[in-house]
Every structure is written in C-alpha cells, then in structure tokens.
Amino acid sequence: MDVLVHTTHAQLANELGSVREMVSRLLKGFEVQGLVALAREQVEILDPAGLRRISEGR
C-alpha cells in the first residue's frame, strides 16, 4: 500500500533540521530508484521497505 505525504521540500527540511536543497536532492535520488513518486507538495512512498533498508544502512 502506497503512502501519500502532503508536504513541501522546505517543510521536510525544516522538520529534519536540514536545507531544502539537500532534501530535494535526496528525494530526487529516491525517485530515480523507484522508492517515491514526487508531485507538487506531495511525496508518494512507493517502497517503504526500500526506504527502511536505506535508513538502516543496508
């Protein structure tokens, strides 16, 4: 089941204590890998397990 998150890159960066450019770069990389789909003010998580593996360093 896909998860849809309604937010902006700037909002995510603020919550993570980062900058928008870094968040945008990471999300674009995740999109290229097929982990997320990006649209205006939303991030659709296509592969939660894949994102979990990355967060765990695997």
PDB file of N, CA and C in Angstrom:
ATOM      1  N   MET A   1       0.832  -1.176   0.000  1.00  0.00           N
ATOM      2  CA  MET A   1       0.000   0.000   0.000  1.00  0.00           C
ATOM      3  C   MET A   1       0.883   1.249   0.000  1.00  0.00           C
ATOM      4  N   ASP A   2       0.663   2.149  -0.954  1.00  0.00           N
ATOM      5  CA  ASP A   2       1.430   3.386  -1.050  1.00  0.00           C
ATOM      6  C   ASP A   2       0.949   4.376   0.007  1.00  0.00           C
ATOM      7  N   VAL A   3       1.864   5.214   0.462  1.00  0.00           N
ATOM      8  CA  VAL A   3       1.554   6.253   1.438  1.00  0.00           C
ATOM      9  C   VAL A   3       1.781   7.593   0.776  1.00  0.00           C
ATOM     10  N   LEU A   4       0.825   8.498   0.930  1.00  0.00           N
ATOM     11  CA  LEU A   4       0.925   9.825   0.338  1.00  0.00           C
ATOM     12  C   LEU A   4       1.148  10.843   1.449  1.00  0.00           C
ATOM     13  N   VAL A   5       2.234  11.603   1.352  1.00  0.00           N
ATOM     14  CA  VAL A   5       2.578  12.617   2.348  1.00  0.00           C
ATOM     15  C   VAL A   5       2.413  13.981   1.690  1.00  0.00           C
ATOM     16  N   HIS A   6       1.562  14.815   2.283  1.00  0.00           N
ATOM     17  CA  HIS A   6       1.346  16.171   1.764  1.00  0.00           C
ATOM     18  C   HIS A   6       2.264  17.135   2.506  1.00  0.00           C
ATOM     19  N   THR A   7       3.326  17.564   1.839  1.00  0.00           N
ATOM     20  CA  THR A   7       4.298  18.480   2.443  1.00  0.00           C
ATOM     21  C   THR A   7       5.147  19.077   1.322  1.00  0.00           C
ATOM     22  N   THR A   8       5.936  20.046   1.658  1.00  0.00           N
ATOM     23  CA  THR A   8       6.880  20.611   0.700  1.00  0.00           C
ATOM     24  C   THR A   8       8.292  20.196   1.089  1.00  0.00           C
ATOM     25  N   HIS A   9       9.206  20.361   0.169  1.00  0.00           N
ATOM     26  CA  HIS A   9      10.605  20.053   0.456  1.00  0.00           C
ATOM     27  C   HIS A   9      11.108  20.959   1.582  1.00  0.00           C
ATOM     28  N   ALA A  10      10.666  22.205   1.574  1.00  0.00           N
ATOM     29  CA  ALA A  10      11.091  23.150   2.615  1.00  0.00           C
ATOM     30  C   ALA A  10      10.558  22.728   3.984  1.00  0.00           C
ATOM     31  N   GLN A  11       9.312  22.271   4.045  1.00  0.00           N
ATOM     32  CA  GLN A  11       8.752  21.818   5.314  1.00  0.00           C
ATOM     33  C   GLN A  11       9.500  20.590   5.832  1.00  0.00           C
ATOM     34  N   LEU A  12       9.795  19.650   4.931  1.00  0.00           N
ATOM     35  CA  LEU A  12      10.561  18.468   5.332  1.00  0.00           C
ATOM     36  C   LEU A  12      11.934  18.868   5.855  1.00  0.00           C
ATOM     37  N   ALA A  13      12.592  19.766   5.140  1.00  0.00           N
ATOM     38  CA  ALA A  13      13.927  20.213   5.559  1.00  0.00           C
ATOM     39  C   ALA A  13      13.866  20.845   6.945  1.00  0.00           C
ATOM     40  N   ASN A  14      12.870  21.671   7.173  1.00  0.00           N
ATOM     41  CA  ASN A  14      12.718  22.319   8.472  1.00  0.00           C
ATOM     42  C   ASN A  14      12.527  21.280   9.579  1.00  0.00           C
ATOM     43  N   GLU A  15      11.682  20.290   9.350  1.00  0.00           N
ATOM     44  CA  GLU A  15      11.435  19.246  10.341  1.00  0.00           C
ATOM     45  C   GLU A  15      12.687  18.406  10.608  1.00  0.00           C
ATOM     46  N   LEU A  16      13.516  18.234   9.576  1.00  0.00           N
ATOM     47  CA  LEU A  16      14.708  17.406   9.709  1.00  0.00           C
ATOM     48  C   LEU A  16      15.947  18.192  10.133  1.00  0.00           C
ATOM     49  N   GLY A  17      15.819  19.510  10.209  1.00  0.00           N
ATOM     50  CA  GLY A  17      16.968  20.338  10.549  1.00  0.00           C
ATOM     51  C   GLY A  17      17.984  20.390   9.426  1.00  0.00           C
ATOM     52  N   SER A  18      17.483  20.389   8.188  1.00  0.00           N
ATOM     53  CA  SER A  18      18.340  20.393   7.012  1.00  0.00           C
ATOM     54  C   SER A  18      17.966  21.589   6.135  1.00  0.00           C
ATOM     55  N   VAL A  19      18.439  21.578   4.910  1.00  0.00           N
ATOM     56  CA  VAL A  19      18.092  22.629   3.955  1.00  0.00           C
ATOM     57  C   VAL A  19      17.324  22.015   2.793  1.00  0.00           C
ATOM     58  N   ARG A  20      16.479  22.844   2.163  1.00  0.00           N
ATOM     59  CA  ARG A  20      15.623  22.376   1.094  1.00  0.00           C
ATOM     60  C   ARG A  20      16.400  21.715  -0.035  1.00  0.00           C
ATOM     61  N   GLU A  21      17.545  22.269  -0.382  1.00  0.00           N
ATOM     62  CA  GLU A  21      18.329  21.729  -1.488  1.00  0.00           C
ATOM     63  C   GLU A  21      18.750  20.282  -1.230  1.00  0.00           C
ATOM     64  N   MET A  22      19.153  19.989   0.006  1.00  0.00           N
ATOM     65  CA  MET A  22      19.576  18.636   0.362  1.00  0.00           C
ATOM     66  C   MET A  22      18.388  17.675   0.305  1.00  0.00           C
ATOM     67  N   VAL A  23      17.261  18.095   0.859  1.00  0.00           N
ATOM     68  CA  VAL A  23      16.057  17.257   0.829  1.00  0.00           C
ATOM     69  C   VAL A  23      15.636  16.996  -0.616  1.00  0.00           C
ATOM     70  N   SER A  24      15.657  18.025  -1.440  1.00  0.00           N
ATOM     71  CA  SER A  24      15.278  17.867  -2.848  1.00  0.00           C
ATOM     72  C   SER A  24      16.200  16.879  -3.555  1.00  0.00           C
ATOM     73  N   ARG A  25      17.495  16.980  -3.287  1.00  0.00           N
ATOM     74  CA  ARG A  25      18.475  16.083  -3.908  1.00  0.00           C
ATOM     75  C   ARG A  25      18.231  14.628  -3.484  1.00  0.00           C
ATOM     76  N   LEU A  26      18.002  14.428  -2.185  1.00  0.00           N
ATOM     77  CA  LEU A  26      17.747  13.075  -1.682  1.00  0.00           C
ATOM     78  C   LEU A  26      16.445  12.510  -2.247  1.00  0.00           C
ATOM     79  N   LEU A  27      15.387  13.313  -2.250  1.00  0.00           N
ATOM     80  CA  LEU A  27      14.107  12.838  -2.781  1.00  0.00           C
ATOM     81  C   LEU A  27      14.217  12.494  -4.262  1.00  0.00           C
ATOM     82  N   LYS A  28      14.954  13.292  -5.014  1.00  0.00           N
ATOM     83  CA  LYS A  28      15.140  13.005  -6.445  1.00  0.00           C
ATOM     84  C   LYS A  28      15.858  11.669  -6.616  1.00  0.00           C
ATOM     85  N   GLY A  29      16.865  11.419  -5.793  1.00  0.00           N
ATOM     86  CA  GLY A  29      17.563  10.139  -5.838  1.00  0.00           C
ATOM     87  C   GLY A  29      16.641   8.982  -5.505  1.00  0.00           C
ATOM     88  N   PHE A  30      15.785   9.174  -4.499  1.00  0.00           N
ATOM     89  CA  PHE A  30      14.813   8.133  -4.147  1.00  0.00           C
ATOM     90  C   PHE A  30      13.825   7.910  -5.287  1.00  0.00           C
ATOM     91  N   GLU A  31      13.459   8.992  -5.975  1.00  0.00           N
ATOM     92  CA  GLU A  31      12.536   8.870  -7.108  1.00  0.00           C
ATOM     93  C   GLU A  31      13.178   8.062  -8.236  1.00  0.00           C
ATOM     94  N   VAL A  32      14.441   8.332  -8.531  1.00  0.00           N
ATOM     95  CA  VAL A  32      15.157   7.603  -9.584  1.00  0.00           C
ATOM     96  C   VAL A  32      15.235   6.113  -9.254  1.00  0.00           C
ATOM     97  N   GLN A  33      15.355   5.790  -7.974  1.00  0.00           N
ATOM     98  CA  GLN A  33      15.423   4.395  -7.536  1.00  0.00           C
ATOM     99  C   GLN A  33      14.049   3.730  -7.462  1.00  0.00           C
ATOM    100  N   GLY A  34      12.985   4.493  -7.717  1.00  0.00           N
ATOM    101  CA  GLY A  34      11.635   3.935  -7.672  1.00  0.00           C
ATOM    102  C   GLY A  34      11.065   3.800  -6.272  1.00  0.00           C
ATOM    103  N   LEU A  35      11.664   4.499  -5.312  1.00  0.00           N
ATOM    104  CA  LEU A  35      11.205   4.411  -3.929  1.00  0.00           C
ATOM    105  C   LEU A  35      10.062   5.369  -3.631  1.00  0.00           C
ATOM    106  N   VAL A  36      10.043   6.524  -4.309  1.00  0.00           N
ATOM    107  CA  VAL A  36       8.996   7.523  -4.115  1.00  0.00           C
ATOM    108  C   VAL A  36       8.588   8.092  -5.463  1.00  0.00           C
ATOM    109  N   ALA A  37       7.424   8.713  -5.486  1.00  0.00           N
ATOM    110  CA  ALA A  37       6.968   9.490  -6.644  1.00  0.00           C
ATOM    111  C   ALA A  37       6.735  10.905  -6.129  1.00  0.00           C
ATOM    112  N   LEU A  38       7.242  11.894  -6.837  1.00  0.00           N
ATOM    113  CA  LEU A  38       7.137  13.283  -6.409  1.00  0.00           C
ATOM    114  C   LEU A  38       6.130  14.036  -7.255  1.00  0.00           C
ATOM    115  N   ALA A  39       5.344  14.870  -6.594  1.00  0.00           N
ATOM    116  CA  ALA A  39       4.410  15.767  -7.262  1.00  0.00           C
ATOM    117  C   ALA A  39       4.362  17.049  -6.438  1.00  0.00           C
ATOM    118  N   ARG A  40       3.630  18.018  -6.902  1.00  0.00           N
ATOM    119  CA  ARG A  40       3.573  19.303  -6.203  1.00  0.00           C
ATOM    120  C   ARG A  40       3.047  19.111  -4.777  1.00  0.00           C
ATOM    121  N   GLU A  41       3.866  19.484  -3.813  1.00  0.00           N
ATOM    122  CA  GLU A  41       3.544  19.426  -2.389  1.00  0.00           C
ATOM    123  C   GLU A  41       3.117  18.044  -1.910  1.00  0.00           C
ATOM    124  N   GLN A  42       3.648  17.001  -2.562  1.00  0.00           N
ATOM    125  CA  GLN A  42       3.362  15.658  -2.059  1.00  0.00           C
ATOM    126  C   GLN A  42       4.471  14.687  -2.441  1.00  0.00           C
ATOM    127  N   VAL A  43       4.655  13.725  -1.570  1.00  0.00           N
ATOM    128  CA  VAL A  43       5.610  12.642  -1.785  1.00  0.00           C
ATOM    129  C   VAL A  43       4.836  11.343  -1.604  1.00  0.00           C
ATOM    130  N   GLU A  44       4.806  10.528  -2.633  1.00  0.00           N
ATOM    131  CA  GLU A  44       4.145   9.235  -2.544  1.00  0.00           C
ATOM    132  C   GLU A  44       5.207   8.179  -2.291  1.00  0.00           C
ATOM    133  N   ILE A  45       5.095   7.493  -1.186  1.00  0.00           N
ATOM    134  CA  ILE A  45       6.066   6.460  -0.828  1.00  0.00           C
ATOM    135  C   ILE A  45       5.642   5.168  -1.509  1.00  0.00           C
ATOM    136  N   LEU A  46       6.452   4.725  -2.471  1.00  0.00           N
ATOM    137  CA  LEU A  46       6.140   3.545  -3.260  1.00  0.00           C
ATOM    138  C   LEU A  46       6.747   2.276  -2.681  1.00  0.00           C
ATOM    139  N   ASP A  47       7.882   2.418  -2.017  1.00  0.00           N
ATOM    140  CA  ASP A  47       8.602   1.249  -1.494  1.00  0.00           C
ATOM    141  C   ASP A  47       9.079   1.524  -0.062  1.00  0.00           C
ATOM    142  N   PRO A  48       8.162   1.411   0.915  1.00  0.00           N
ATOM    143  CA  PRO A  48       8.566   1.669   2.307  1.00  0.00           C
ATOM    144  C   PRO A  48       9.702   0.773   2.776  1.00  0.00           C
ATOM    145  N   ALA A  49       9.701  -0.481   2.369  1.00  0.00           N
ATOM    146  CA  ALA A  49      10.766  -1.403   2.781  1.00  0.00           C
ATOM    147  C   ALA A  49      12.114  -0.944   2.233  1.00  0.00           C
ATOM    148  N   GLY A  50      12.138  -0.451   1.007  1.00  0.00           N
ATOM    149  CA  GLY A  50      13.374   0.050   0.417  1.00  0.00           C
ATOM    150  C   GLY A  50      13.903   1.260   1.166  1.00  0.00           C
ATOM    151  N   LEU A  51      13.014   2.180   1.536  1.00  0.00           N
ATOM    152  CA  LEU A  51      13.431   3.341   2.320  1.00  0.00           C
ATOM    153  C   LEU A  51      13.927   2.913   3.701  1.00  0.00           C
ATOM    154  N   ARG A  52      13.287   1.916   4.276  1.00  0.00           N
ATOM    155  CA  ARG A  52      13.702   1.403   5.589  1.00  0.00           C
ATOM    156  C   ARG A  52      15.108   0.817   5.502  1.00  0.00           C
ATOM    157  N   ARG A  53      15.380   0.066   4.435  1.00  0.00           N
ATOM    158  CA  ARG A  53      16.728  -0.512   4.262  1.00  0.00           C
ATOM    159  C   ARG A  53      17.782   0.591   4.188  1.00  0.00           C
ATOM    160  N   ILE A  54      17.483   1.641   3.457  1.00  0.00           N
ATOM    161  CA  ILE A  54      18.430   2.755   3.345  1.00  0.00           C
ATOM    162  C   ILE A  54      18.641   3.400   4.709  1.00  0.00           C
ATOM    163  N   SER A  55      17.552   3.607   5.456  1.00  0.00           N
ATOM    164  CA  SER A  55      17.680   4.260   6.764  1.00  0.00           C
ATOM    165  C   SER A  55      18.470   3.411   7.753  1.00  0.00           C
ATOM    166  N   GLU A  56      18.463   2.111   7.549  1.00  0.00           N
ATOM    167  CA  GLU A  56      19.214   1.198   8.420  1.00  0.00           C
ATOM    168  C   GLU A  56      20.635   0.956   7.916  1.00  0.00           C
ATOM    169  N   GLY A  57      20.984   1.589   6.797  1.00  0.00           N
ATOM    170  CA  GLY A  57      22.340   1.456   6.270  1.00  0.00           C
ATOM    171  C   GLY A  57      22.611   0.174   5.530  1.00  0.00           C
ATOM    172  N   ARG A  58      21.560  -0.484   5.054  1.00  0.00           N
ATOM    173  CA  ARG A  58      21.749  -1.742   4.326  1.00  0.00           C
ATOM    174  C   ARG A  58      21.679  -1.542   2.845  1.00  0.00           C
TER     175      ARG A  58
END
